[in-house]
Amino acid sequence: MAKIVDPNIFKEADRPKAEENLNQFENSLQPVFKSVTEANFSQAATSLRNAANYMDNLASLQNEKAMLDEAAELLKKINAEEARRNWF
């Protein structure tokens, strides 16, 4: 079972979902090589598409956290500017 190297790239509430997507990704990849060696290319392609979907889910969760972090940083700057303006 794979572990996410840096769980802070996801919102705390999304971390279990991220772990599940990573596990499903890993599980989707396991049958690919067997399917290829057995010339079951359709099954291999389906497994790879499933794996790609799990990676897309992880990327979405990561992007959501990055956007929230960026918004929080902008809000902090706006609040600091407002405080500076109100000081004078």
N, C-alpha and C. Protein backbone atom coordinates (compact mmCIF):
# COMPACT_ATOMS: atom_id res chain seq x y z
N MET A 1 0.84 -1.17 0.00
CA MET A 1 0.00 0.00 0.00
C MET A 1 0.89 1.24 0.00
N ALA A 2 0.67 2.11 -0.96
CA ALA A 2 1.48 3.32 -1.10
C ALA A 2 1.05 4.36 -0.07
N LYS A 3 2.00 5.20 0.29
CA LYS A 3 1.73 6.31 1.20
C LYS A 3 2.03 7.62 0.49
N ILE A 4 1.25 8.62 0.77
CA ILE A 4 1.49 9.93 0.21
C ILE A 4 2.69 10.54 0.91
N VAL A 5 3.65 10.98 0.14
CA VAL A 5 4.91 11.48 0.70
C VAL A 5 4.68 12.70 1.58
N ASP A 6 3.90 13.66 1.08
CA ASP A 6 3.62 14.88 1.83
C ASP A 6 2.10 15.08 1.90
N PRO A 7 1.46 14.63 2.98
CA PRO A 7 0.01 14.77 3.06
C PRO A 7 -0.47 16.22 3.12
N ASN A 8 0.45 17.16 3.37
CA ASN A 8 0.06 18.57 3.45
C ASN A 8 -0.29 19.17 2.10
N ILE A 9 -0.11 18.41 1.02
CA ILE A 9 -0.51 18.92 -0.30
C ILE A 9 -2.01 18.79 -0.50
N PHE A 10 -2.70 18.17 0.47
CA PHE A 10 -4.15 18.02 0.43
C PHE A 10 -4.75 18.66 1.67
N LYS A 11 -6.01 19.12 1.53
CA LYS A 11 -6.71 19.60 2.71
C LYS A 11 -6.83 18.45 3.69
N GLU A 12 -6.82 18.76 4.95
CA GLU A 12 -6.90 17.71 5.97
C GLU A 12 -8.13 16.83 5.77
N ALA A 13 -9.25 17.45 5.44
CA ALA A 13 -10.49 16.69 5.24
C ALA A 13 -10.41 15.77 4.01
N ASP A 14 -9.54 16.11 3.05
CA ASP A 14 -9.43 15.32 1.82
C ASP A 14 -8.37 14.22 1.90
N ARG A 15 -7.59 14.19 2.95
CA ARG A 15 -6.49 13.22 3.03
C ARG A 15 -6.95 11.77 2.97
N PRO A 16 -8.04 11.39 3.65
CA PRO A 16 -8.49 10.00 3.50
C PRO A 16 -8.90 9.68 2.06
N LYS A 17 -9.54 10.63 1.41
CA LYS A 17 -9.94 10.43 0.01
C LYS A 17 -8.69 10.31 -0.88
N ALA A 18 -7.68 11.11 -0.59
CA ALA A 18 -6.44 11.05 -1.35
C ALA A 18 -5.76 9.70 -1.16
N GLU A 19 -5.70 9.23 0.06
CA GLU A 19 -5.11 7.91 0.35
C GLU A 19 -5.85 6.81 -0.40
N GLU A 20 -7.18 6.89 -0.41
CA GLU A 20 -7.99 5.90 -1.10
C GLU A 20 -7.73 5.93 -2.60
N ASN A 21 -7.64 7.13 -3.17
CA ASN A 21 -7.35 7.25 -4.59
C ASN A 21 -5.97 6.69 -4.92
N LEU A 22 -5.00 6.93 -4.06
CA LEU A 22 -3.66 6.39 -4.29
C LEU A 22 -3.68 4.87 -4.22
N ASN A 23 -4.40 4.32 -3.26
CA ASN A 23 -4.51 2.86 -3.17
C ASN A 23 -5.21 2.27 -4.38
N GLN A 24 -6.27 2.93 -4.83
CA GLN A 24 -6.98 2.45 -6.02
C GLN A 24 -6.10 2.55 -7.26
N PHE A 25 -5.29 3.60 -7.34
CA PHE A 25 -4.34 3.74 -8.44
C PHE A 25 -3.40 2.55 -8.46
N GLU A 26 -2.83 2.26 -7.32
CA GLU A 26 -1.90 1.14 -7.20
C GLU A 26 -2.58 -0.18 -7.58
N ASN A 27 -3.80 -0.37 -7.09
CA ASN A 27 -4.54 -1.60 -7.41
C ASN A 27 -4.87 -1.69 -8.90
N SER A 28 -5.10 -0.55 -9.54
CA SER A 28 -5.40 -0.55 -10.98
C SER A 28 -4.19 -0.93 -11.81
N LEU A 29 -3.00 -0.59 -11.32
CA LEU A 29 -1.79 -0.88 -12.08
C LEU A 29 -1.36 -2.34 -11.98
N GLN A 30 -1.67 -2.99 -10.89
CA GLN A 30 -1.19 -4.35 -10.66
C GLN A 30 -1.55 -5.32 -11.79
N PRO A 31 -2.77 -5.32 -12.31
CA PRO A 31 -3.09 -6.30 -13.35
C PRO A 31 -2.63 -5.92 -14.76
N VAL A 32 -2.07 -4.73 -14.94
CA VAL A 32 -1.73 -4.28 -16.28
C VAL A 32 -0.71 -5.19 -16.95
N PHE A 33 0.39 -5.47 -16.30
CA PHE A 33 1.45 -6.26 -16.92
C PHE A 33 1.00 -7.69 -17.19
N LYS A 34 0.23 -8.24 -16.28
CA LYS A 34 -0.31 -9.58 -16.50
C LYS A 34 -1.22 -9.59 -17.72
N SER A 35 -2.07 -8.58 -17.83
CA SER A 35 -2.97 -8.49 -18.97
C SER A 35 -2.19 -8.37 -20.28
N VAL A 36 -1.12 -7.59 -20.26
CA VAL A 36 -0.31 -7.42 -21.46
C VAL A 36 0.36 -8.73 -21.84
N THR A 37 0.94 -9.42 -20.86
CA THR A 37 1.62 -10.68 -21.17
C THR A 37 0.66 -11.74 -21.66
N GLU A 38 -0.60 -11.63 -21.28
CA GLU A 38 -1.62 -12.57 -21.75
C GLU A 38 -2.33 -12.06 -23.00
N ALA A 39 -1.83 -10.98 -23.57
CA ALA A 39 -2.38 -10.36 -24.78
C ALA A 39 -3.82 -9.91 -24.59
N ASN A 40 -4.18 -9.57 -23.35
CA ASN A 40 -5.50 -9.02 -23.08
C ASN A 40 -5.35 -7.50 -23.02
N PHE A 41 -5.13 -6.92 -24.19
CA PHE A 41 -4.81 -5.50 -24.28
C PHE A 41 -5.98 -4.61 -23.90
N SER A 42 -7.17 -5.07 -24.17
CA SER A 42 -8.35 -4.29 -23.81
C SER A 42 -8.44 -4.13 -22.30
N GLN A 43 -8.19 -5.21 -21.57
CA GLN A 43 -8.22 -5.15 -20.10
C GLN A 43 -7.08 -4.26 -19.58
N ALA A 44 -5.92 -4.36 -20.20
CA ALA A 44 -4.78 -3.52 -19.80
C ALA A 44 -5.13 -2.05 -20.00
N ALA A 45 -5.75 -1.75 -21.14
CA ALA A 45 -6.12 -0.36 -21.43
C ALA A 45 -7.14 0.15 -20.43
N THR A 46 -8.11 -0.69 -20.07
CA THR A 46 -9.12 -0.30 -19.08
C THR A 46 -8.47 -0.03 -17.73
N SER A 47 -7.55 -0.89 -17.33
CA SER A 47 -6.85 -0.70 -16.05
C SER A 47 -6.04 0.59 -16.07
N LEU A 48 -5.40 0.89 -17.18
CA LEU A 48 -4.62 2.13 -17.27
C LEU A 48 -5.51 3.36 -17.25
N ARG A 49 -6.67 3.28 -17.89
CA ARG A 49 -7.61 4.41 -17.84
C ARG A 49 -8.11 4.62 -16.41
N ASN A 50 -8.39 3.52 -15.72
CA ASN A 50 -8.80 3.64 -14.32
C ASN A 50 -7.70 4.28 -13.49
N ALA A 51 -6.47 3.84 -13.70
CA ALA A 51 -5.34 4.42 -12.96
C ALA A 51 -5.21 5.91 -13.25
N ALA A 52 -5.39 6.29 -14.52
CA ALA A 52 -5.31 7.71 -14.89
C ALA A 52 -6.42 8.51 -14.22
N ASN A 53 -7.60 7.93 -14.10
CA ASN A 53 -8.71 8.62 -13.42
C ASN A 53 -8.38 8.86 -11.95
N TYR A 54 -7.75 7.89 -11.30
CA TYR A 54 -7.38 8.08 -9.90
C TYR A 54 -6.32 9.18 -9.77
N MET A 55 -5.39 9.25 -10.73
CA MET A 55 -4.39 10.32 -10.72
C MET A 55 -5.06 11.67 -10.95
N ASP A 56 -6.05 11.72 -11.85
CA ASP A 56 -6.79 12.96 -12.06
C ASP A 56 -7.48 13.41 -10.77
N ASN A 57 -8.05 12.45 -10.04
CA ASN A 57 -8.70 12.78 -8.77
C ASN A 57 -7.69 13.37 -7.79
N LEU A 58 -6.51 12.75 -7.71
CA LEU A 58 -5.47 13.27 -6.81
C LEU A 58 -5.02 14.66 -7.23
N ALA A 59 -4.88 14.87 -8.52
CA ALA A 59 -4.47 16.19 -9.01
C ALA A 59 -5.52 17.24 -8.67
N SER A 60 -6.79 16.88 -8.80
CA SER A 60 -7.87 17.82 -8.45
C SER A 60 -7.84 18.18 -6.97
N LEU A 61 -7.65 17.18 -6.13
CA LEU A 61 -7.58 17.44 -4.69
C LEU A 61 -6.37 18.32 -4.37
N GLN A 62 -5.25 18.06 -5.02
CA GLN A 62 -4.04 18.85 -4.80
C GLN A 62 -4.25 20.29 -5.28
N ASN A 63 -4.85 20.45 -6.45
CA ASN A 63 -5.09 21.79 -6.98
C ASN A 63 -6.05 22.58 -6.10
N GLU A 64 -7.04 21.90 -5.57
CA GLU A 64 -8.00 22.57 -4.67
C GLU A 64 -7.28 23.13 -3.45
N LYS A 65 -6.38 22.35 -2.87
CA LYS A 65 -5.61 22.81 -1.71
C LYS A 65 -4.70 23.97 -2.09
N ALA A 66 -4.06 23.88 -3.25
CA ALA A 66 -3.16 24.95 -3.69
C ALA A 66 -3.93 26.25 -3.90
N MET A 67 -5.13 26.17 -4.47
CA MET A 67 -5.94 27.37 -4.67
C MET A 67 -6.38 27.96 -3.33
N LEU A 68 -6.74 27.11 -2.38
CA LEU A 68 -7.12 27.62 -1.05
C LEU A 68 -5.94 28.28 -0.36
N ASP A 69 -4.76 27.68 -0.49
CA ASP A 69 -3.56 28.27 0.11
C ASP A 69 -3.26 29.62 -0.52
N GLU A 70 -3.41 29.70 -1.83
CA GLU A 70 -3.15 30.96 -2.53
C GLU A 70 -4.17 32.02 -2.10
N ALA A 71 -5.43 31.64 -1.99
CA ALA A 71 -6.47 32.59 -1.56
C ALA A 71 -6.20 33.07 -0.13
N ALA A 72 -5.77 32.16 0.73
CA ALA A 72 -5.47 32.54 2.12
C ALA A 72 -4.30 33.52 2.16
N GLU A 73 -3.30 33.30 1.32
CA GLU A 73 -2.15 34.20 1.28
C GLU A 73 -2.56 35.58 0.77
N LEU A 74 -3.41 35.61 -0.26
CA LEU A 74 -3.90 36.90 -0.77
C LEU A 74 -4.73 37.63 0.28
N LEU A 75 -5.57 36.89 0.99
CA LEU A 75 -6.38 37.50 2.04
C LEU A 75 -5.51 38.07 3.15
N LYS A 76 -4.45 37.36 3.47
CA LYS A 76 -3.52 37.84 4.49
C LYS A 76 -2.88 39.16 4.04
N LYS A 77 -2.50 39.24 2.77
CA LYS A 77 -1.90 40.47 2.26
C LYS A 77 -2.91 41.61 2.24
N ILE A 78 -4.14 41.31 1.86
CA ILE A 78 -5.19 42.33 1.85
C ILE A 78 -5.44 42.84 3.27
N ASN A 79 -5.53 41.93 4.23
CA ASN A 79 -5.75 42.33 5.62
C ASN A 79 -4.59 43.17 6.15
N ALA A 80 -3.38 42.80 5.78
CA ALA A 80 -2.21 43.57 6.22
C ALA A 80 -2.25 44.97 5.62
N GLU A 81 -2.64 45.08 4.36
CA GLU A 81 -2.74 46.39 3.71
C GLU A 81 -3.84 47.22 4.36
N GLU A 82 -4.97 46.59 4.66
CA GLU A 82 -6.07 47.30 5.32
C GLU A 82 -5.62 47.80 6.70
N ALA A 83 -4.92 46.96 7.42
CA ALA A 83 -4.43 47.36 8.74
C ALA A 83 -3.46 48.54 8.62
N ARG A 84 -2.60 48.50 7.62
CA ARG A 84 -1.66 49.59 7.40
C ARG A 84 -2.39 50.89 7.07
N ARG A 85 -3.42 50.80 6.21
CA ARG A 85 -4.18 51.99 5.83
C ARG A 85 -4.94 52.58 7.01
N ASN A 86 -5.48 51.71 7.85
CA ASN A 86 -6.25 52.17 9.01
C ASN A 86 -5.36 52.69 10.13
N TRP A 87 -4.10 52.38 10.07
CA TRP A 87 -3.18 52.82 11.10
C TRP A 87 -2.98 54.32 11.03
N PHE A 88 -3.02 54.87 9.83
CA PHE A 88 -2.75 56.31 9.64
C PHE A 88 -4.00 57.11 9.56
